[in-house]
């Protein structure tokens, strides 16, 4: 049983309207993408451009984007994060510096580090 989708920017694209029940497992996929065509449209619209720092944005043009996928289990008291990957700058830098040997620290299998 779902609820009606909200037709507002930022909310209309949510992928689930189902009631979350204990025992369900979901993948959460936050991301940010720097798509020149969409950025140019936003910068040309004063209602959107006022929220964009063009100088900072210029540093990220051509970068592409990044997405972090997390798997969570719905529990009686909230959720449990099932994904075990480096998250902080320090963890990521240590992981990269140590190579695949550091995968054990995060519970990754060798094929997941390739």
PDB file of N, CA and C in Angstrom:
ATOM      1  N   UNK A   1       0.847  -1.170   0.000  1.00  0.00           N
ATOM      2  CA  UNK A   1       0.000   0.000   0.000  1.00  0.00           C
ATOM      3  C   UNK A   1       0.895   1.235   0.000  1.00  0.00           C
ATOM      4  N   UNK A   2       0.767   2.039  -1.011  1.00  0.00           N
ATOM      5  CA  UNK A   2       1.601   3.220  -1.119  1.00  0.00           C
ATOM      6  C   UNK A   2       0.817   4.491  -0.888  1.00  0.00           C
ATOM      7  N   UNK A   3       1.543   5.583  -0.970  1.00  0.00           N
ATOM      8  CA  UNK A   3       0.912   6.894  -0.870  1.00  0.00           C
ATOM      9  C   UNK A   3       1.083   7.600  -2.195  1.00  0.00           C
ATOM     10  N   UNK A   4       0.253   8.606  -2.410  1.00  0.00           N
ATOM     11  CA  UNK A   4       0.329   9.351  -3.663  1.00  0.00           C
ATOM     12  C   UNK A   4       1.645  10.120  -3.717  1.00  0.00           C
ATOM     13  N   UNK A   5       2.275  10.131  -4.890  1.00  0.00           N
ATOM     14  CA  UNK A   5       3.535  10.852  -5.059  1.00  0.00           C
ATOM     15  C   UNK A   5       3.307  12.363  -4.950  1.00  0.00           C
ATOM     16  N   UNK A   6       4.278  13.040  -4.357  1.00  0.00           N
ATOM     17  CA  UNK A   6       4.237  14.493  -4.252  1.00  0.00           C
ATOM     18  C   UNK A   6       4.841  15.066  -5.524  1.00  0.00           C
ATOM     19  N   UNK A   7       4.143  15.993  -6.162  1.00  0.00           N
ATOM     20  CA  UNK A   7       4.607  16.549  -7.429  1.00  0.00           C
ATOM     21  C   UNK A   7       5.326  17.872  -7.198  1.00  0.00           C
ATOM     22  N   UNK A   8       6.489  17.793  -6.497  1.00  0.00           N
ATOM     23  CA  UNK A   8       7.307  18.972  -6.244  1.00  0.00           C
ATOM     24  C   UNK A   8       8.753  18.627  -6.580  1.00  0.00           C
ATOM     25  N   UNK A   9       9.509  19.628  -7.074  1.00  0.00           N
ATOM     26  CA  UNK A   9      10.920  19.358  -7.379  1.00  0.00           C
ATOM     27  C   UNK A   9      11.630  18.771  -6.164  1.00  0.00           C
ATOM     28  N   UNK A  10      12.452  17.753  -6.427  1.00  0.00           N
ATOM     29  CA  UNK A  10      13.197  17.107  -5.358  1.00  0.00           C
ATOM     30  C   UNK A  10      12.429  15.982  -4.682  1.00  0.00           C
ATOM     31  N   UNK A  11      11.115  15.965  -4.832  1.00  0.00           N
ATOM     32  CA  UNK A  11      10.306  14.925  -4.195  1.00  0.00           C
ATOM     33  C   UNK A  11       9.605  14.037  -5.228  1.00  0.00           C
ATOM     34  N   UNK A  12       9.323  14.590  -6.405  1.00  0.00           N
ATOM     35  CA  UNK A  12       8.548  13.825  -7.392  1.00  0.00           C
ATOM     36  C   UNK A  12       9.291  12.620  -7.939  1.00  0.00           C
ATOM     37  N   UNK A  13      10.609  12.595  -7.805  1.00  0.00           N
ATOM     38  CA  UNK A  13      11.387  11.485  -8.359  1.00  0.00           C
ATOM     39  C   UNK A  13      11.746  10.423  -7.334  1.00  0.00           C
ATOM     40  N   UNK A  14      11.239  10.545  -6.124  1.00  0.00           N
ATOM     41  CA  UNK A  14      11.502   9.499  -5.144  1.00  0.00           C
ATOM     42  C   UNK A  14      10.979   8.182  -5.680  1.00  0.00           C
ATOM     43  N   UNK A  15      11.716   7.132  -5.467  1.00  0.00           N
ATOM     44  CA  UNK A  15      11.382   5.872  -6.126  1.00  0.00           C
ATOM     45  C   UNK A  15      10.462   4.975  -5.345  1.00  0.00           C
ATOM     46  N   UNK A  16      10.241   5.239  -4.087  1.00  0.00           N
ATOM     47  CA  UNK A  16       9.329   4.378  -3.357  1.00  0.00           C
ATOM     48  C   UNK A  16       8.340   5.223  -2.567  1.00  0.00           C
ATOM     49  N   UNK A  17       7.137   4.792  -2.607  1.00  0.00           N
ATOM     50  CA  UNK A  17       6.104   5.411  -1.773  1.00  0.00           C
ATOM     51  C   UNK A  17       5.522   4.359  -0.831  1.00  0.00           C
ATOM     52  N   UNK A  18       6.183   3.200  -0.795  1.00  0.00           N
ATOM     53  CA  UNK A  18       5.705   2.105   0.057  1.00  0.00           C
ATOM     54  C   UNK A  18       5.995   2.381   1.519  1.00  0.00           C
ATOM     55  N   UNK A  19       5.184   1.825   2.377  1.00  0.00           N
ATOM     56  CA  UNK A  19       5.466   1.854   3.801  1.00  0.00           C
ATOM     57  C   UNK A  19       6.634   0.899   4.047  1.00  0.00           C
ATOM     58  N   UNK A  20       7.643   1.385   4.755  1.00  0.00           N
ATOM     59  CA  UNK A  20       8.806   0.555   5.034  1.00  0.00           C
ATOM     60  C   UNK A  20       8.535  -0.294   6.259  1.00  0.00           C
ATOM     61  N   UNK A  21       8.762  -1.590   6.109  1.00  0.00           N
ATOM     62  CA  UNK A  21       8.481  -2.536   7.183  1.00  0.00           C
ATOM     63  C   UNK A  21       9.767  -3.207   7.645  1.00  0.00           C
ATOM     64  N   UNK A  22       9.783  -3.577   8.899  1.00  0.00           N
ATOM     65  CA  UNK A  22      10.926  -4.277   9.468  1.00  0.00           C
ATOM     66  C   UNK A  22      11.258  -5.488   8.604  1.00  0.00           C
ATOM     67  N   UNK A  23      12.552  -5.652   8.330  1.00  0.00           N
ATOM     68  CA  UNK A  23      13.009  -6.783   7.523  1.00  0.00           C
ATOM     69  C   UNK A  23      13.239  -6.438   6.059  1.00  0.00           C
ATOM     70  N   UNK A  24      12.704  -5.307   5.594  1.00  0.00           N
ATOM     71  CA  UNK A  24      12.950  -4.902   4.215  1.00  0.00           C
ATOM     72  C   UNK A  24      14.396  -4.443   4.079  1.00  0.00           C
ATOM     73  N   UNK A  25      14.967  -4.650   2.894  1.00  0.00           N
ATOM     74  CA  UNK A  25      16.312  -4.168   2.582  1.00  0.00           C
ATOM     75  C   UNK A  25      16.199  -3.264   1.362  1.00  0.00           C
ATOM     76  N   UNK A  26      16.802  -2.098   1.472  1.00  0.00           N
ATOM     77  CA  UNK A  26      16.749  -1.106   0.395  1.00  0.00           C
ATOM     78  C   UNK A  26      18.153  -0.662   0.030  1.00  0.00           C
ATOM     79  N   UNK A  27      18.308  -0.205  -1.205  1.00  0.00           N
ATOM     80  CA  UNK A  27      19.550   0.425  -1.628  1.00  0.00           C
ATOM     81  C   UNK A  27      19.293   1.919  -1.730  1.00  0.00           C
ATOM     82  N   UNK A  28      20.124   2.700  -1.064  1.00  0.00           N
ATOM     83  CA  UNK A  28      20.052   4.147  -1.098  1.00  0.00           C
ATOM     84  C   UNK A  28      21.168   4.620  -2.015  1.00  0.00           C
ATOM     85  N   UNK A  29      20.851   5.459  -2.996  1.00  0.00           N
ATOM     86  CA  UNK A  29      21.829   5.851  -3.999  1.00  0.00           C
ATOM     87  C   UNK A  29      21.946   7.371  -4.123  1.00  0.00           C
ATOM     88  N   UNK A  30      22.473   8.051  -3.095  1.00  0.00           N
ATOM     89  CA  UNK A  30      22.655   9.491  -3.261  1.00  0.00           C
ATOM     90  C   UNK A  30      23.770   9.760  -4.255  1.00  0.00           C
ATOM     91  N   UNK A  31      23.643  10.815  -5.002  1.00  0.00           N
ATOM     92  CA  UNK A  31      24.680  11.151  -5.959  1.00  0.00           C
ATOM     93  C   UNK A  31      24.603  12.598  -6.372  1.00  0.00           C
ATOM     94  N   UNK A  32      25.658  13.033  -6.999  1.00  0.00           N
ATOM     95  CA  UNK A  32      25.695  14.369  -7.581  1.00  0.00           C
ATOM     96  C   UNK A  32      26.362  14.237  -8.941  1.00  0.00           C
ATOM     97  N   UNK A  33      25.748  14.845  -9.932  1.00  0.00           N
ATOM     98  CA  UNK A  33      26.239  14.758 -11.299  1.00  0.00           C
ATOM     99  C   UNK A  33      26.345  16.162 -11.872  1.00  0.00           C
ATOM    100  N   UNK A  34      27.430  16.435 -12.569  1.00  0.00           N
ATOM    101  CA  UNK A  34      27.670  17.736 -13.167  1.00  0.00           C
ATOM    102  C   UNK A  34      27.461  17.611 -14.671  1.00  0.00           C
ATOM    103  N   UNK A  35      26.229  17.848 -15.103  1.00  0.00           N
ATOM    104  CA  UNK A  35      25.843  17.704 -16.503  1.00  0.00           C
ATOM    105  C   UNK A  35      25.755  19.104 -17.097  1.00  0.00           C
ATOM    106  N   UNK A  36      26.694  19.405 -17.995  1.00  0.00           N
ATOM    107  CA  UNK A  36      26.815  20.765 -18.508  1.00  0.00           C
ATOM    108  C   UNK A  36      25.506  21.333 -19.045  1.00  0.00           C
ATOM    109  N   UNK A  37      24.769  20.557 -19.833  1.00  0.00           N
ATOM    110  CA  UNK A  37      23.530  21.058 -20.416  1.00  0.00           C
ATOM    111  C   UNK A  37      22.546  21.486 -19.316  1.00  0.00           C
ATOM    112  N   UNK A  38      22.394  20.667 -18.277  1.00  0.00           N
ATOM    113  CA  UNK A  38      21.471  21.002 -17.191  1.00  0.00           C
ATOM    114  C   UNK A  38      21.991  22.160 -16.350  1.00  0.00           C
ATOM    115  N   UNK A  39      23.302  22.205 -16.138  1.00  0.00           N
ATOM    116  CA  UNK A  39      23.881  23.316 -15.390  1.00  0.00           C
ATOM    117  C   UNK A  39      23.693  24.633 -16.134  1.00  0.00           C
ATOM    118  N   UNK A  40      23.903  24.602 -17.448  1.00  0.00           N
ATOM    119  CA  UNK A  40      23.722  25.820 -18.246  1.00  0.00           C
ATOM    120  C   UNK A  40      22.269  26.303 -18.188  1.00  0.00           C
ATOM    121  N   UNK A  41      21.332  25.373 -18.240  1.00  0.00           N
ATOM    122  CA  UNK A  41      19.908  25.743 -18.128  1.00  0.00           C
ATOM    123  C   UNK A  41      19.620  26.366 -16.771  1.00  0.00           C
ATOM    124  N   UNK A  42      20.159  25.782 -15.714  1.00  0.00           N
ATOM    125  CA  UNK A  42      19.926  26.300 -14.365  1.00  0.00           C
ATOM    126  C   UNK A  42      20.548  27.678 -14.204  1.00  0.00           C
ATOM    127  N   UNK A  43      21.744  27.880 -14.729  1.00  0.00           N
ATOM    128  CA  UNK A  43      22.410  29.181 -14.622  1.00  0.00           C
ATOM    129  C   UNK A  43      21.684  30.266 -15.411  1.00  0.00           C
ATOM    130  N   UNK A  44      20.976  29.875 -16.467  1.00  0.00           N
ATOM    131  CA  UNK A  44      20.220  30.836 -17.285  1.00  0.00           C
ATOM    132  C   UNK A  44      18.886  31.210 -16.640  1.00  0.00           C
ATOM    133  N   UNK A  45      18.470  30.479 -15.614  1.00  0.00           N
ATOM    134  CA  UNK A  45      17.196  30.724 -14.934  1.00  0.00           C
ATOM    135  C   UNK A  45      17.471  31.414 -13.598  1.00  0.00           C
ATOM    136  N   UNK A  46      17.110  32.692 -13.466  1.00  0.00           N
ATOM    137  CA  UNK A  46      17.391  33.419 -12.223  1.00  0.00           C
ATOM    138  C   UNK A  46      16.822  32.749 -10.971  1.00  0.00           C
ATOM    139  N   UNK A  47      15.722  32.041 -11.095  1.00  0.00           N
ATOM    140  CA  UNK A  47      15.113  31.362  -9.936  1.00  0.00           C
ATOM    141  C   UNK A  47      15.995  30.222  -9.440  1.00  0.00           C
ATOM    142  N   UNK A  48      16.801  29.652 -10.327  1.00  0.00           N
ATOM    143  CA  UNK A  48      17.713  28.572  -9.933  1.00  0.00           C
ATOM    144  C   UNK A  48      19.139  29.086  -9.741  1.00  0.00           C
ATOM    145  N   UNK A  49      19.553  30.009 -10.593  1.00  0.00           N
ATOM    146  CA  UNK A  49      20.936  30.489 -10.565  1.00  0.00           C
ATOM    147  C   UNK A  49      21.309  31.127  -9.234  1.00  0.00           C
ATOM    148  N   UNK A  50      20.350  31.687  -8.539  1.00  0.00           N
ATOM    149  CA  UNK A  50      20.651  32.336  -7.259  1.00  0.00           C
ATOM    150  C   UNK A  50      21.135  31.340  -6.203  1.00  0.00           C
ATOM    151  N   UNK A  51      20.954  30.045  -6.447  1.00  0.00           N
ATOM    152  CA  UNK A  51      21.396  29.016  -5.504  1.00  0.00           C
ATOM    153  C   UNK A  51      22.729  28.394  -5.901  1.00  0.00           C
ATOM    154  N   UNK A  52      23.308  28.838  -6.989  1.00  0.00           N
ATOM    155  CA  UNK A  52      24.528  28.231  -7.524  1.00  0.00           C
ATOM    156  C   UNK A  52      25.685  29.204  -7.421  1.00  0.00           C
ATOM    157  N   UNK A  53      26.773  28.751  -6.842  1.00  0.00           N
ATOM    158  CA  UNK A  53      28.004  29.529  -6.782  1.00  0.00           C
ATOM    159  C   UNK A  53      28.809  29.168  -8.028  1.00  0.00           C
ATOM    160  N   UNK A  54      28.782  30.036  -9.027  1.00  0.00           N
ATOM    161  CA  UNK A  54      29.407  29.752 -10.320  1.00  0.00           C
ATOM    162  C   UNK A  54      30.901  29.506 -10.207  1.00  0.00           C
ATOM    163  N   UNK A  55      31.586  30.227  -9.298  1.00  0.00           N
ATOM    164  CA  UNK A  55      33.027  30.038  -9.140  1.00  0.00           C
ATOM    165  C   UNK A  55      33.348  28.638  -8.619  1.00  0.00           C
ATOM    166  N   UNK A  56      32.574  28.182  -7.651  1.00  0.00           N
ATOM    167  CA  UNK A  56      32.787  26.825  -7.119  1.00  0.00           C
ATOM    168  C   UNK A  56      32.392  25.792  -8.175  1.00  0.00           C
ATOM    169  N   UNK A  57      31.274  26.021  -8.840  1.00  0.00           N
ATOM    170  CA  UNK A  57      30.810  25.096  -9.876  1.00  0.00           C
ATOM    171  C   UNK A  57      31.862  24.908 -10.963  1.00  0.00           C
ATOM    172  N   UNK A  58      32.545  25.956 -11.337  1.00  0.00           N
ATOM    173  CA  UNK A  58      33.543  25.878 -12.406  1.00  0.00           C
ATOM    174  C   UNK A  58      34.623  24.844 -12.092  1.00  0.00           C
ATOM    175  N   UNK A  59      34.931  24.657 -10.814  1.00  0.00           N
ATOM    176  CA  UNK A  59      35.952  23.668 -10.436  1.00  0.00           C
ATOM    177  C   UNK A  59      35.503  22.235 -10.732  1.00  0.00           C
ATOM    178  N   UNK A  60      34.201  22.011 -10.804  1.00  0.00           N
ATOM    179  CA  UNK A  60      33.684  20.655 -10.954  1.00  0.00           C
ATOM    180  C   UNK A  60      33.182  20.340 -12.360  1.00  0.00           C
ATOM    181  N   UNK A  61      33.141  21.317 -13.219  1.00  0.00           N
ATOM    182  CA  UNK A  61      32.720  21.044 -14.597  1.00  0.00           C
ATOM    183  C   UNK A  61      33.704  20.058 -15.216  1.00  0.00           C
ATOM    184  N   UNK A  62      33.183  19.083 -15.931  1.00  0.00           N
ATOM    185  CA  UNK A  62      34.029  18.076 -16.546  1.00  0.00           C
ATOM    186  C   UNK A  62      34.364  16.910 -15.623  1.00  0.00           C
ATOM    187  N   UNK A  63      33.998  17.011 -14.352  1.00  0.00           N
ATOM    188  CA  UNK A  63      34.267  15.949 -13.382  1.00  0.00           C
ATOM    189  C   UNK A  63      33.390  14.731 -13.623  1.00  0.00           C
ATOM    190  N   UNK A  64      32.154  14.961 -14.039  1.00  0.00           N
ATOM    191  CA  UNK A  64      31.200  13.866 -14.214  1.00  0.00           C
ATOM    192  C   UNK A  64      30.276  13.795 -13.032  1.00  0.00           C
ATOM    193  N   UNK A  65      30.660  13.026 -12.030  1.00  0.00           N
ATOM    194  CA  UNK A  65      29.819  12.916 -10.849  1.00  0.00           C
ATOM    195  C   UNK A  65      30.255  11.767  -9.975  1.00  0.00           C
ATOM    196  N   UNK A  66      29.484  11.559  -8.933  1.00  0.00           N
ATOM    197  CA  UNK A  66      29.777  10.469  -8.006  1.00  0.00           C
ATOM    198  C   UNK A  66      28.463   9.988  -7.393  1.00  0.00           C
ATOM    199  N   UNK A  67      28.396   8.710  -7.159  1.00  0.00           N
ATOM    200  CA  UNK A  67      27.227   8.124  -6.486  1.00  0.00           C
ATOM    201  C   UNK A  67      27.738   7.138  -5.450  1.00  0.00           C
ATOM    202  N   UNK A  68      27.124   7.184  -4.286  1.00  0.00           N
ATOM    203  CA  UNK A  68      27.472   6.261  -3.215  1.00  0.00           C
ATOM    204  C   UNK A  68      26.263   5.377  -2.973  1.00  0.00           C
ATOM    205  N   UNK A  69      26.441   4.088  -3.074  1.00  0.00           N
ATOM    206  CA  UNK A  69      25.331   3.165  -2.845  1.00  0.00           C
ATOM    207  C   UNK A  69      25.468   2.529  -1.472  1.00  0.00           C
ATOM    208  N   UNK A  70      24.418   2.592  -0.711  1.00  0.00           N
ATOM    209  CA  UNK A  70      24.366   1.945   0.596  1.00  0.00           C
ATOM    210  C   UNK A  70      23.178   0.989   0.623  1.00  0.00           C
ATOM    211  N   UNK A  71      23.380  -0.155   1.229  1.00  0.00           N
ATOM    212  CA  UNK A  71      22.286  -1.087   1.483  1.00  0.00           C
ATOM    213  C   UNK A  71      21.916  -0.949   2.949  1.00  0.00           C
ATOM    214  N   UNK A  72      20.628  -0.827   3.213  1.00  0.00           N
ATOM    215  CA  UNK A  72      20.157  -0.721   4.592  1.00  0.00           C
ATOM    216  C   UNK A  72      19.059  -1.750   4.833  1.00  0.00           C
ATOM    217  N   UNK A  73      18.990  -2.214   6.065  1.00  0.00           N
ATOM    218  CA  UNK A  73      17.910  -3.101   6.492  1.00  0.00           C
ATOM    219  C   UNK A  73      17.020  -2.293   7.431  1.00  0.00           C
ATOM    220  N   UNK A  74      15.730  -2.351   7.202  1.00  0.00           N
ATOM    221  CA  UNK A  74      14.772  -1.676   8.074  1.00  0.00           C
ATOM    222  C   UNK A  74      14.626  -2.506   9.341  1.00  0.00           C
ATOM    223  N   UNK A  75      14.809  -1.857  10.483  1.00  0.00           N
ATOM    224  CA  UNK A  75      14.705  -2.547  11.771  1.00  0.00           C
ATOM    225  C   UNK A  75      13.515  -1.994  12.549  1.00  0.00           C
ATOM    226  N   UNK A  76      13.234  -2.580  13.691  1.00  0.00           N
ATOM    227  CA  UNK A  76      12.128  -2.116  14.529  1.00  0.00           C
ATOM    228  C   UNK A  76      12.374  -0.705  15.044  1.00  0.00           C
ATOM    229  N   UNK A  77      13.659  -0.327  15.160  1.00  0.00           N
ATOM    230  CA  UNK A  77      13.997   0.983  15.725  1.00  0.00           C
ATOM    231  C   UNK A  77      14.587   1.957  14.721  1.00  0.00           C
ATOM    232  N   UNK A  78      14.542   1.641  13.451  1.00  0.00           N
ATOM    233  CA  UNK A  78      15.125   2.521  12.434  1.00  0.00           C
ATOM    234  C   UNK A  78      15.712   1.717  11.302  1.00  0.00           C
ATOM    235  N   UNK A  79      17.050   1.715  11.215  1.00  0.00           N
ATOM    236  CA  UNK A  79      17.695   0.984  10.132  1.00  0.00           C
ATOM    237  C   UNK A  79      19.082   0.544  10.557  1.00  0.00           C
ATOM    238  N   UNK A  80      19.600  -0.451   9.829  1.00  0.00           N
ATOM    239  CA  UNK A  80      20.965  -0.935  10.028  1.00  0.00           C
ATOM    240  C   UNK A  80      21.699  -0.801   8.710  1.00  0.00           C
ATOM    241  N   UNK A  81      22.836  -0.121   8.723  1.00  0.00           N
ATOM    242  CA  UNK A  81      23.653   0.039   7.527  1.00  0.00           C
ATOM    243  C   UNK A  81      24.390  -1.266   7.267  1.00  0.00           C
ATOM    244  N   UNK A  82      24.193  -1.847   6.085  1.00  0.00           N
ATOM    245  CA  UNK A  82      24.815  -3.121   5.741  1.00  0.00           C
ATOM    246  C   UNK A  82      26.091  -2.937   4.931  1.00  0.00           C
ATOM    247  N   UNK A  83      26.303  -1.755   4.396  1.00  0.00           N
ATOM    248  CA  UNK A  83      27.452  -1.486   3.548  1.00  0.00           C
ATOM    249  C   UNK A  83      28.652  -1.113   4.408  1.00  0.00           C
ATOM    250  N   UNK A  84      29.776  -1.740   4.112  1.00  0.00           N
ATOM    251  CA  UNK A  84      30.984  -1.478   4.884  1.00  0.00           C
ATOM    252  C   UNK A  84      32.086  -1.045   3.916  1.00  0.00           C
ATOM    253  N   UNK A  85      32.171   0.252   3.665  1.00  0.00           N
ATOM    254  CA  UNK A  85      33.177   0.804   2.758  1.00  0.00           C
ATOM    255  C   UNK A  85      33.795   2.049   3.390  1.00  0.00           C
ATOM    256  N   UNK A  86      34.980   2.436   2.930  1.00  0.00           N
ATOM    257  CA  UNK A  86      35.570   3.663   3.466  1.00  0.00           C
ATOM    258  C   UNK A  86      34.694   4.864   3.128  1.00  0.00           C
ATOM    259  N   UNK A  87      34.549   5.794   4.081  1.00  0.00           N
ATOM    260  CA  UNK A  87      33.663   6.938   3.883  1.00  0.00           C
ATOM    261  C   UNK A  87      34.357   8.277   4.073  1.00  0.00           C
ATOM    262  N   UNK A  88      35.208   8.377   5.064  1.00  0.00           N
ATOM    263  CA  UNK A  88      35.861   9.656   5.328  1.00  0.00           C
ATOM    264  C   UNK A  88      37.048   9.825   4.389  1.00  0.00           C
ATOM    265  N   UNK A  89      37.501  11.053   4.244  1.00  0.00           N
ATOM    266  CA  UNK A  89      38.681  11.312   3.420  1.00  0.00           C
ATOM    267  C   UNK A  89      39.850  10.476   3.912  1.00  0.00           C
ATOM    268  N   UNK A  90      40.023  10.433   5.233  1.00  0.00           N
ATOM    269  CA  UNK A  90      41.134   9.680   5.810  1.00  0.00           C
ATOM    270  C   UNK A  90      41.028   8.193   5.483  1.00  0.00           C
ATOM    271  N   UNK A  91      39.815   7.628   5.613  1.00  0.00           N
ATOM    272  CA  UNK A  91      39.621   6.202   5.306  1.00  0.00           C
ATOM    273  C   UNK A  91      39.884   5.916   3.832  1.00  0.00           C
ATOM    274  N   UNK A  92      39.407   6.784   2.970  1.00  0.00           N
ATOM    275  CA  UNK A  92      39.586   6.575   1.522  1.00  0.00           C
ATOM    276  C   UNK A  92      41.058   6.690   1.156  1.00  0.00           C
ATOM    277  N   UNK A  93      41.739   7.695   1.691  1.00  0.00           N
ATOM    278  CA  UNK A  93      43.160   7.851   1.385  1.00  0.00           C
ATOM    279  C   UNK A  93      43.970   6.670   1.901  1.00  0.00           C
ATOM    280  N   UNK A  94      43.644   6.176   3.096  1.00  0.00           N
ATOM    281  CA  UNK A  94      44.343   5.004   3.639  1.00  0.00           C
ATOM    282  C   UNK A  94      44.079   3.782   2.769  1.00  0.00           C
ATOM    283  N   UNK A  95      42.847   3.613   2.351  1.00  0.00           N
ATOM    284  CA  UNK A  95      42.477   2.484   1.496  1.00  0.00           C
ATOM    285  C   UNK A  95      43.264   2.529   0.188  1.00  0.00           C
ATOM    286  N   UNK A  96      43.318   3.713  -0.426  1.00  0.00           N
ATOM    287  CA  UNK A  96      44.019   3.852  -1.698  1.00  0.00           C
ATOM    288  C   UNK A  96      45.530   3.649  -1.522  1.00  0.00           C
ATOM    289  N   UNK A  97      46.076   4.148  -0.423  1.00  0.00           N
ATOM    290  CA  UNK A  97      47.513   4.025  -0.182  1.00  0.00           C
ATOM    291  C   UNK A  97      47.925   2.575   0.066  1.00  0.00           C
ATOM    292  N   UNK A  98      47.055   1.803   0.726  1.00  0.00           N
ATOM    293  CA  UNK A  98      47.380   0.418   1.061  1.00  0.00           C
ATOM    294  C   UNK A  98      47.064  -0.549  -0.055  1.00  0.00           C
ATOM    295  N   UNK A  99      46.296  -0.141  -1.030  1.00  0.00           N
ATOM    296  CA  UNK A  99      45.936  -1.016  -2.134  1.00  0.00           C
ATOM    297  C   UNK A  99      44.914  -2.053  -1.716  1.00  0.00           C
ATOM    298  N   UNK A 100      44.839  -3.172  -2.439  1.00  0.00           N
ATOM    299  CA  UNK A 100      43.814  -4.175  -2.176  1.00  0.00           C
ATOM    300  C   UNK A 100      43.968  -4.840  -0.830  1.00  0.00           C
ATOM    301  N   UNK A 101      45.153  -4.779  -0.224  1.00  0.00           N
ATOM    302  CA  UNK A 101      45.344  -5.371   1.094  1.00  0.00           C
ATOM    303  C   UNK A 101      44.463  -4.714   2.140  1.00  0.00           C
ATOM    304  N   UNK A 102      44.122  -3.444   1.933  1.00  0.00           N
ATOM    305  CA  UNK A 102      43.297  -2.739   2.909  1.00  0.00           C
ATOM    306  C   UNK A 102      41.832  -3.138   2.810  1.00  0.00           C
ATOM    307  N   UNK A 103      41.488  -3.924   1.790  1.00  0.00           N
ATOM    308  CA  UNK A 103      40.092  -4.327   1.634  1.00  0.00           C
ATOM    309  C   UNK A 103      39.604  -5.145   2.816  1.00  0.00           C
ATOM    310  N   UNK A 104      40.500  -5.838   3.497  1.00  0.00           N
ATOM    311  CA  UNK A 104      40.099  -6.646   4.654  1.00  0.00           C
ATOM    312  C   UNK A 104      39.526  -5.777   5.768  1.00  0.00           C
ATOM    313  N   UNK A 105      40.073  -4.558   5.902  1.00  0.00           N
ATOM    314  CA  UNK A 105      39.613  -3.650   6.945  1.00  0.00           C
ATOM    315  C   UNK A 105      38.131  -3.324   6.777  1.00  0.00           C
ATOM    316  N   UNK A 106      37.661  -3.280   5.535  1.00  0.00           N
ATOM    317  CA  UNK A 106      36.277  -2.920   5.269  1.00  0.00           C
ATOM    318  C   UNK A 106      35.421  -4.106   4.868  1.00  0.00           C
ATOM    319  N   UNK A 107      35.957  -5.300   4.992  1.00  0.00           N
ATOM    320  CA  UNK A 107      35.174  -6.493   4.718  1.00  0.00           C
ATOM    321  C   UNK A 107      34.875  -6.702   3.250  1.00  0.00           C
ATOM    322  N   UNK A 108      35.722  -6.139   2.361  1.00  0.00           N
ATOM    323  CA  UNK A 108      35.503  -6.295   0.940  1.00  0.00           C
ATOM    324  C   UNK A 108      36.218  -7.523   0.415  1.00  0.00           C
ATOM    325  N   UNK A 109      35.622  -8.152  -0.560  1.00  0.00           N
ATOM    326  CA  UNK A 109      36.257  -9.283  -1.235  1.00  0.00           C
ATOM    327  C   UNK A 109      37.211  -8.742  -2.276  1.00  0.00           C
ATOM    328  N   UNK A 110      38.266  -9.483  -2.638  1.00  0.00           N
ATOM    329  CA  UNK A 110      39.240  -8.982  -3.629  1.00  0.00           C
ATOM    330  C   UNK A 110      38.594  -8.501  -4.931  1.00  0.00           C
ATOM    331  N   UNK A 111      37.567  -9.195  -5.409  1.00  0.00           N
ATOM    332  CA  UNK A 111      36.928  -8.782  -6.670  1.00  0.00           C
ATOM    333  C   UNK A 111      36.163  -7.472  -6.525  1.00  0.00           C
ATOM    334  N   UNK A 112      35.835  -7.058  -5.303  1.00  0.00           N
ATOM    335  CA  UNK A 112      35.135  -5.800  -5.095  1.00  0.00           C
ATOM    336  C   UNK A 112      36.086  -4.606  -5.078  1.00  0.00           C
ATOM    337  N   UNK A 113      37.380  -4.836  -5.092  1.00  0.00           N
ATOM    338  CA  UNK A 113      38.337  -3.754  -5.028  1.00  0.00           C
ATOM    339  C   UNK A 113      38.968  -3.481  -6.385  1.00  0.00           C
ATOM    340  N   UNK A 114      38.609  -4.250  -7.385  1.00  0.00           N
ATOM    341  CA  UNK A 114      39.201  -4.087  -8.710  1.00  0.00           C
ATOM    342  C   UNK A 114      38.655  -2.859  -9.406  1.00  0.00           C
TER     343      UNK A 114
END
